[in-house]
């Protein structure tokens, strides 16, 4: 009984880790797309020049 519970617990942990990693990859792709759009469509600064691409 104990080995069966350990195998089920291991399967549950691996499924959870796989789902979390997939969700992180999807979030990273979404952030990358927004960053690229912000980089391409940044507003012009004073004098018609484009501003810096970073905020600090």
Protein backbone atom coordinates (compact mmCIF):
# COMPACT_ATOMS: atom_id res chain seq x y z
CA UNK A 1 0.00 0.00 0.00
CA UNK A 2 2.80 2.42 0.87
CA UNK A 3 4.67 1.97 -2.45
CA UNK A 4 1.44 2.62 -4.35
CA UNK A 5 0.88 5.84 -2.42
CA UNK A 6 4.46 6.92 -3.07
CA UNK A 7 4.08 6.29 -6.81
CA UNK A 8 0.82 8.23 -6.91
CA UNK A 9 2.39 11.09 -4.96
CA UNK A 10 5.35 11.16 -7.34
CA UNK A 11 3.03 11.20 -10.36
CA UNK A 12 1.05 14.06 -8.83
CA UNK A 13 4.22 16.07 -8.16
CA UNK A 14 5.56 15.52 -11.67
CA UNK A 15 2.22 16.49 -13.24
CA UNK A 16 2.10 19.65 -11.11
CA UNK A 17 5.66 20.59 -12.03
CA UNK A 18 5.01 20.01 -15.73
CA UNK A 19 1.88 22.15 -15.66
CA UNK A 20 3.68 24.93 -13.77
CA UNK A 21 6.57 24.93 -16.24
CA UNK A 22 4.19 25.08 -19.20
CA UNK A 23 2.32 27.97 -17.60
CA UNK A 24 5.62 29.80 -17.01
CA UNK A 25 6.63 29.34 -20.66
CA UNK A 26 3.28 30.75 -21.80
CA UNK A 27 3.64 33.73 -19.45
CA UNK A 28 7.20 34.34 -20.69
CA UNK A 29 6.04 34.36 -24.33
CA UNK A 30 3.22 36.80 -23.53
CA UNK A 31 5.63 39.15 -21.71
CA UNK A 32 8.10 38.92 -24.61
CA UNK A 33 5.37 39.88 -27.10
CA UNK A 34 4.30 42.87 -25.01
CA UNK A 35 7.92 43.97 -24.60
CA UNK A 36 8.55 43.71 -28.34
CA UNK A 37 5.38 45.70 -29.11
CA UNK A 38 6.40 48.37 -26.61
CA UNK A 39 9.87 48.52 -28.12
CA UNK A 40 8.53 48.94 -31.66
CA UNK A 41 5.68 51.34 -30.87
CA UNK A 42 7.38 53.59 -28.32
CA UNK A 43 6.35 57.23 -28.44
CA UNK A 44 8.49 60.04 -29.79
CA UNK A 45 10.17 62.28 -27.25
CA UNK A 46 10.92 66.00 -27.39
CA UNK A 47 12.14 67.20 -30.77
CA UNK A 48 10.68 64.22 -32.63
CA UNK A 49 13.35 61.85 -31.34
CA UNK A 50 12.43 58.51 -29.91
CA UNK A 51 12.94 58.13 -26.19
CA UNK A 52 15.00 55.57 -24.39
CA UNK A 53 13.66 52.03 -24.55
CA UNK A 54 14.12 51.54 -20.81
CA UNK A 55 12.31 53.27 -17.96
CA UNK A 56 15.10 54.02 -15.50
